Amino acid sequence: MAWDPDFVYDTYPRMEAAFAARLDESLAPRDPSVLLQVVRELDLRPDSRVVDVGCGEGAYAARLATHFGFRVLGIDPVQRHLDLARTARRDLAPAIAARLAFERGTATRLPVPDSSLDLVWCREAMVHVDHPDDAYAEFARVLRRGGHVVAYQAVATDLLADEDADRLFDVMGVAPSSVDARVLDDAIAASGLEVVDTLDLASEWGEWSQEHEGAGGRALLRLARLLREPGRYRAEFGDAAYDVMLGDCRWQVHLMTGGLRGRVDVLRRP
């Protein structure tokens, strides 16, 4: 709307408190457990074979084994992640630990045979893949007929300025093609996988983490401090660590403000 001083200084103040109170009401955002609910609705049998692509320290691989009785192979290109996942496995109940294994691999090179898996789980890993068409083709290769992919990631929106995207993606190791929704859609179509559902989470995970943990506000506060006194933090932790922290804070803020939005793809091999 055009600048209207009568509205801004007379009409708006009369509703401002009610408007703010309305905004303080939660919109009941879905939390990260929505991915587990998606898997539950697939109704896979216990002992289904699953790969966790980009498993990190193995937390979700363990959940998949615990909640559903799956046999899960976690793969990751970072040796530290694999070491920590294997260490954490030793603390699990023997029946759960026996269902878990961890190996080095990537989304485009999964160390499993053709047509051998019931589920490919991929959470926040695709953003680091330069060629998503290769990754989805690999997912199709390893799935049995009727097998599924459940993949979550953030995609860029028109609210993310090109300058902000360049600065953010470089330090976070994000492949621009893999946060382009159109590129993802084309890659999925080329793989031959069928789209069962696509969930648009928008800012829901960011809202949920702020409401329950204060994560969004904390990231914004840290970002302000990093930008106000960069020399202080660069001197103590080094330029590389400063850049990573800055990128992580910006990523979280963009998830809250719409520059990035969460997306879940549920796919099936016909």
Protein backbone atom coordinates (compact mmCIF):
# COMPACT_ATOMS: atom_id res chain seq x y z
CA MET A 1 0.00 0.00 0.00
CA ALA A 2 1.06 3.60 -0.49
CA TRP A 3 2.24 5.59 2.52
CA ASP A 4 -0.80 6.85 4.41
CA PRO A 5 0.12 8.81 7.55
CA ASP A 6 -3.48 8.84 8.79
CA PHE A 7 -3.60 5.05 8.70
CA VAL A 8 -0.10 4.51 10.12
CA TYR A 9 -0.39 6.98 13.00
CA ASP A 10 -4.11 6.93 13.75
CA THR A 11 -5.96 3.84 12.48
CA TYR A 12 -3.19 1.26 12.87
CA PRO A 13 -2.30 2.07 16.52
CA ARG A 14 -5.91 1.31 17.46
CA MET A 15 -5.52 -2.29 16.26
CA GLU A 16 -1.81 -2.85 16.84
CA ALA A 17 -2.11 -4.56 20.23
CA ALA A 18 -4.83 -6.92 19.01
CA PHE A 19 -2.84 -7.67 15.87
CA ALA A 20 0.30 -8.44 17.91
CA ALA A 21 -1.68 -10.65 20.29
CA ARG A 22 -3.08 -12.54 17.32
CA LEU A 23 0.42 -13.09 15.97
CA ASP A 24 1.51 -14.46 19.33
CA GLU A 25 -0.92 -17.36 18.86
CA SER A 26 0.75 -20.49 17.50
CA LEU A 27 -0.25 -21.76 14.05
CA ALA A 28 0.47 -25.31 15.30
CA PRO A 29 3.51 -25.91 13.07
CA ARG A 30 4.47 -29.47 12.28
CA ASP A 31 7.75 -30.60 13.87
CA PRO A 32 10.49 -32.85 12.42
CA SER A 33 8.64 -35.96 13.62
CA VAL A 34 6.32 -35.47 10.64
CA LEU A 35 8.90 -37.43 8.63
CA LEU A 36 8.50 -40.43 10.91
CA GLN A 37 4.73 -40.13 10.55
CA VAL A 38 5.13 -40.18 6.76
CA VAL A 39 7.14 -43.41 7.08
CA ARG A 40 4.55 -44.90 9.43
CA GLU A 41 1.82 -44.29 6.86
CA LEU A 42 3.80 -46.27 4.28
CA ASP A 43 3.07 -49.35 6.44
CA LEU A 44 6.37 -51.07 5.71
CA ARG A 45 6.97 -54.41 7.36
CA PRO A 46 9.51 -54.87 10.17
CA ASP A 47 12.90 -55.95 8.85
CA SER A 48 12.44 -53.72 5.78
CA ARG A 49 15.78 -52.70 4.31
CA VAL A 50 16.46 -48.98 4.56
CA VAL A 51 19.30 -46.63 3.70
CA ASP A 52 19.73 -43.33 5.55
CA VAL A 53 21.46 -41.04 3.05
CA GLY A 54 23.70 -38.52 4.78
CA CYS A 55 23.13 -40.15 8.15
CA GLY A 56 25.34 -37.78 10.13
CA GLU A 57 25.89 -39.12 13.62
CA GLY A 58 23.21 -41.78 13.19
CA ALA A 59 20.36 -40.36 15.25
CA TYR A 60 17.64 -40.91 12.64
CA ALA A 61 19.00 -44.28 11.57
CA ALA A 62 18.59 -45.36 15.20
CA ARG A 63 15.05 -43.98 15.32
CA LEU A 64 14.06 -45.84 12.18
CA ALA A 65 15.43 -49.08 13.65
CA THR A 66 13.82 -48.45 17.04
CA HIS A 67 10.37 -47.24 15.97
CA PHE A 68 9.80 -49.53 13.02
CA GLY A 69 12.14 -52.49 13.40
CA PHE A 70 13.89 -51.66 10.11
CA ARG A 71 17.36 -52.82 9.16
CA VAL A 72 19.11 -49.54 8.43
CA LEU A 73 22.35 -48.78 6.63
CA GLY A 74 23.52 -45.24 7.36
CA ILE A 75 25.84 -43.78 4.75
CA ASP A 76 27.84 -40.58 4.96
CA PRO A 77 30.97 -39.19 3.27
CA VAL A 78 32.36 -37.76 6.54
CA GLN A 79 34.44 -40.21 8.56
CA ARG A 80 33.88 -38.35 11.83
CA HIS A 81 30.12 -38.84 11.42
CA LEU A 82 30.57 -42.55 10.87
CA ASP A 83 32.85 -42.89 13.88
CA LEU A 84 30.36 -41.11 16.14
CA ALA A 85 27.45 -43.14 14.78
CA ARG A 86 29.27 -46.41 15.44
CA THR A 87 30.16 -45.26 18.95
CA ALA A 88 26.53 -44.32 19.67
CA ARG A 89 25.39 -47.71 18.36
CA ARG A 90 27.33 -49.43 21.14
CA ASP A 91 25.11 -47.70 23.72
CA LEU A 92 21.87 -49.01 22.20
CA ALA A 93 20.02 -52.15 23.20
CA PRO A 94 21.63 -55.13 21.43
CA ALA A 95 18.47 -55.89 19.43
CA ILE A 96 18.48 -52.34 18.01
CA ALA A 97 22.22 -52.14 17.48
CA ALA A 98 22.10 -55.36 15.46
CA ARG A 99 19.79 -53.63 12.97
CA LEU A 100 22.23 -50.76 12.29
CA ALA A 101 25.31 -50.48 10.11
CA PHE A 102 27.27 -47.44 8.93
CA GLU A 103 29.42 -47.12 5.82
CA ARG A 104 31.02 -44.42 3.71
CA GLY A 105 29.01 -43.37 0.70
CA THR A 106 27.18 -40.52 -0.98
CA ALA A 107 23.74 -39.87 -2.44
CA THR A 108 25.06 -40.59 -5.92
CA ARG A 109 27.02 -43.71 -4.91
CA LEU A 110 25.14 -45.91 -2.49
CA PRO A 111 27.06 -49.04 -1.48
CA VAL A 112 24.09 -51.38 -1.97
CA PRO A 113 22.95 -53.73 -4.78
CA ASP A 114 20.29 -52.96 -7.35
CA SER A 115 16.64 -53.40 -6.29
CA SER A 116 17.56 -54.30 -2.71
CA LEU A 117 15.89 -51.65 -0.53
CA ASP A 118 12.39 -50.86 0.67
CA LEU A 119 13.04 -47.25 1.70
CA VAL A 120 15.50 -44.46 0.98
CA TRP A 121 15.48 -41.90 3.78
CA CYS A 122 17.21 -38.60 2.95
CA ARG A 123 17.04 -35.74 5.42
CA GLU A 124 18.86 -32.47 4.68
CA ALA A 125 21.51 -34.14 2.53
CA MET A 126 20.38 -33.33 -1.00
CA VAL A 127 21.40 -29.68 -0.69
CA HIS A 128 25.04 -30.78 -0.95
CA VAL A 129 24.53 -32.78 -4.18
CA ASP A 130 25.72 -31.01 -7.33
CA HIS A 131 23.61 -33.15 -9.66
CA PRO A 132 20.27 -34.13 -8.09
CA ASP A 133 19.34 -36.10 -11.22
CA ASP A 134 22.21 -38.50 -10.45
CA ALA A 135 21.03 -38.88 -6.86
CA TYR A 136 17.41 -39.65 -7.74
CA ALA A 137 18.55 -42.08 -10.43
CA GLU A 138 20.63 -43.81 -7.75
CA PHE A 139 17.64 -43.95 -5.42
CA ALA A 140 15.61 -45.57 -8.18
CA ARG A 141 18.41 -48.08 -8.81
CA VAL A 142 18.56 -49.37 -5.25
CA LEU A 143 14.82 -49.55 -4.59
CA ARG A 144 12.72 -52.63 -5.08
CA ARG A 145 9.53 -52.19 -7.08
CA GLY A 146 7.06 -50.57 -4.74
CA GLY A 147 9.88 -49.14 -2.60
CA HIS A 148 9.73 -45.54 -1.41
CA VAL A 149 11.83 -42.42 -0.95
CA VAL A 150 11.15 -40.00 1.90
CA ALA A 151 13.30 -36.91 1.39
CA TYR A 152 13.35 -33.60 3.25
CA GLN A 153 15.27 -30.49 2.30
CA ALA A 154 15.04 -26.73 2.08
CA VAL A 155 14.46 -25.05 -1.27
CA ALA A 156 15.14 -21.42 -2.17
CA THR A 157 12.31 -18.99 -2.88
CA ASP A 158 12.05 -15.66 -4.67
CA LEU A 159 12.50 -13.97 -1.29
CA LEU A 160 16.13 -15.08 -1.19
CA ALA A 161 18.09 -12.39 -3.04
CA ASP A 162 20.81 -13.54 -5.44
CA GLU A 163 23.49 -11.83 -3.36
CA ASP A 164 22.28 -13.52 -0.18
CA ALA A 165 22.09 -16.88 -1.96
CA ASP A 166 25.64 -16.64 -3.30
CA ARG A 167 27.02 -15.68 0.09
CA LEU A 168 25.04 -18.36 1.93
CA PHE A 169 25.46 -21.29 -0.44
CA ASP A 170 29.22 -20.92 -0.83
CA VAL A 171 30.09 -21.14 2.85
CA MET A 172 27.48 -23.85 3.58
CA GLY A 173 28.58 -26.09 0.71
CA VAL A 174 25.15 -25.89 -0.88
CA ALA A 175 24.74 -26.77 -4.55
CA PRO A 176 22.47 -24.07 -6.05
CA SER A 177 20.85 -26.58 -8.40
CA SER A 178 19.74 -28.73 -5.46
CA VAL A 179 17.78 -25.96 -3.77
CA ASP A 180 15.96 -25.08 -6.99
CA ALA A 181 12.51 -26.66 -6.83
CA ARG A 182 12.24 -26.83 -10.62
CA VAL A 183 15.52 -28.70 -10.92
CA LEU A 184 14.39 -31.15 -8.25
CA ASP A 185 11.08 -31.75 -9.99
CA ASP A 186 12.86 -32.41 -13.30
CA ALA A 187 15.34 -34.77 -11.62
CA ILE A 188 12.55 -36.75 -9.97
CA ALA A 189 10.66 -37.03 -13.25
CA ALA A 190 13.80 -38.19 -15.10
CA SER A 191 14.46 -40.89 -12.49
CA GLY A 192 11.18 -42.66 -13.22
CA LEU A 193 10.11 -42.40 -9.58
CA GLU A 194 6.45 -41.60 -9.02
CA VAL A 195 5.46 -38.68 -6.80
CA VAL A 196 3.18 -39.99 -4.05
CA ASP A 197 3.04 -36.69 -2.17
CA THR A 198 4.89 -33.42 -1.69
CA LEU A 199 4.50 -31.65 1.65
CA ASP A 200 5.18 -27.92 1.70
CA LEU A 201 6.38 -27.16 5.23
CA ALA A 202 7.24 -23.51 4.46
CA SER A 203 8.57 -22.06 7.75
CA GLU A 204 6.92 -24.64 10.03
CA TRP A 205 10.07 -26.29 11.35
CA GLY A 206 11.58 -22.89 12.02
CA GLU A 207 8.45 -21.78 13.85
CA TRP A 208 8.33 -25.00 15.86
CA SER A 209 11.98 -24.75 16.89
CA GLN A 210 11.46 -21.14 17.97
CA GLU A 211 8.31 -21.93 19.96
CA HIS A 212 9.86 -24.93 21.73
CA GLU A 213 13.58 -24.11 21.86
CA GLY A 214 13.99 -20.44 20.97
CA ALA A 215 16.27 -21.49 18.11
CA GLY A 216 15.23 -18.85 15.58
CA GLY A 217 15.56 -15.94 17.96
CA ARG A 218 18.91 -17.24 19.19
CA ALA A 219 20.19 -17.52 15.61
CA LEU A 220 19.08 -13.95 14.88
CA LEU A 221 20.79 -12.64 18.02
CA ARG A 222 24.00 -14.50 17.16
CA LEU A 223 23.86 -13.16 13.61
CA ALA A 224 23.57 -9.60 14.90
CA ARG A 225 26.61 -10.08 17.15
CA LEU A 226 28.65 -11.73 14.41
CA LEU A 227 27.96 -8.83 12.06
CA ARG A 228 28.55 -6.13 14.69
CA GLU A 229 31.93 -7.36 15.93
CA PRO A 230 33.37 -9.78 13.36
CA GLY A 231 36.95 -9.11 14.45
CA ARG A 232 36.25 -10.34 17.97
CA TYR A 233 35.07 -13.76 16.82
CA ARG A 234 37.51 -14.12 13.93
CA ALA A 235 40.41 -13.48 16.29
CA GLU A 236 39.26 -16.13 18.76
CA PHE A 237 38.00 -18.88 16.43
CA GLY A 238 39.48 -18.09 13.01
CA ASP A 239 38.01 -16.97 9.71
CA ALA A 240 36.74 -20.40 8.62
CA ALA A 241 34.81 -21.04 11.85
CA TYR A 242 33.40 -17.50 11.75
CA ASP A 243 32.13 -17.98 8.20
CA VAL A 244 30.49 -21.32 9.04
CA MET A 245 28.73 -19.89 12.12
CA LEU A 246 27.61 -16.87 10.11
CA GLY A 247 26.26 -19.12 7.34
CA ASP A 248 24.43 -21.39 9.79
CA CYS A 249 22.75 -18.44 11.50
CA ARG A 250 21.73 -16.94 8.18
CA TRP A 251 20.33 -20.31 7.06
CA GLN A 252 18.13 -20.55 10.15
CA VAL A 253 16.92 -16.97 9.77
CA HIS A 254 16.04 -17.53 6.10
CA LEU A 255 14.04 -20.63 7.10
CA MET A 256 12.03 -18.40 9.43
CA THR A 257 11.57 -15.48 7.04
CA GLY A 258 10.74 -17.33 3.83
CA GLY A 259 13.95 -17.16 1.81
CA LEU A 260 14.12 -20.93 2.31
CA ARG A 261 11.17 -23.26 2.78
CA GLY A 262 10.98 -26.87 3.90
CA ARG A 263 9.82 -29.55 1.47
CA VAL A 264 9.15 -33.27 1.89
CA ASP A 265 8.96 -35.51 -1.17
CA VAL A 266 7.41 -38.96 -0.91
CA LEU A 267 8.28 -41.01 -3.98
CA ARG A 268 7.68 -44.55 -5.14
CA ARG A 269 9.42 -46.85 -7.59
CA PRO A 270 6.70 -48.29 -9.86
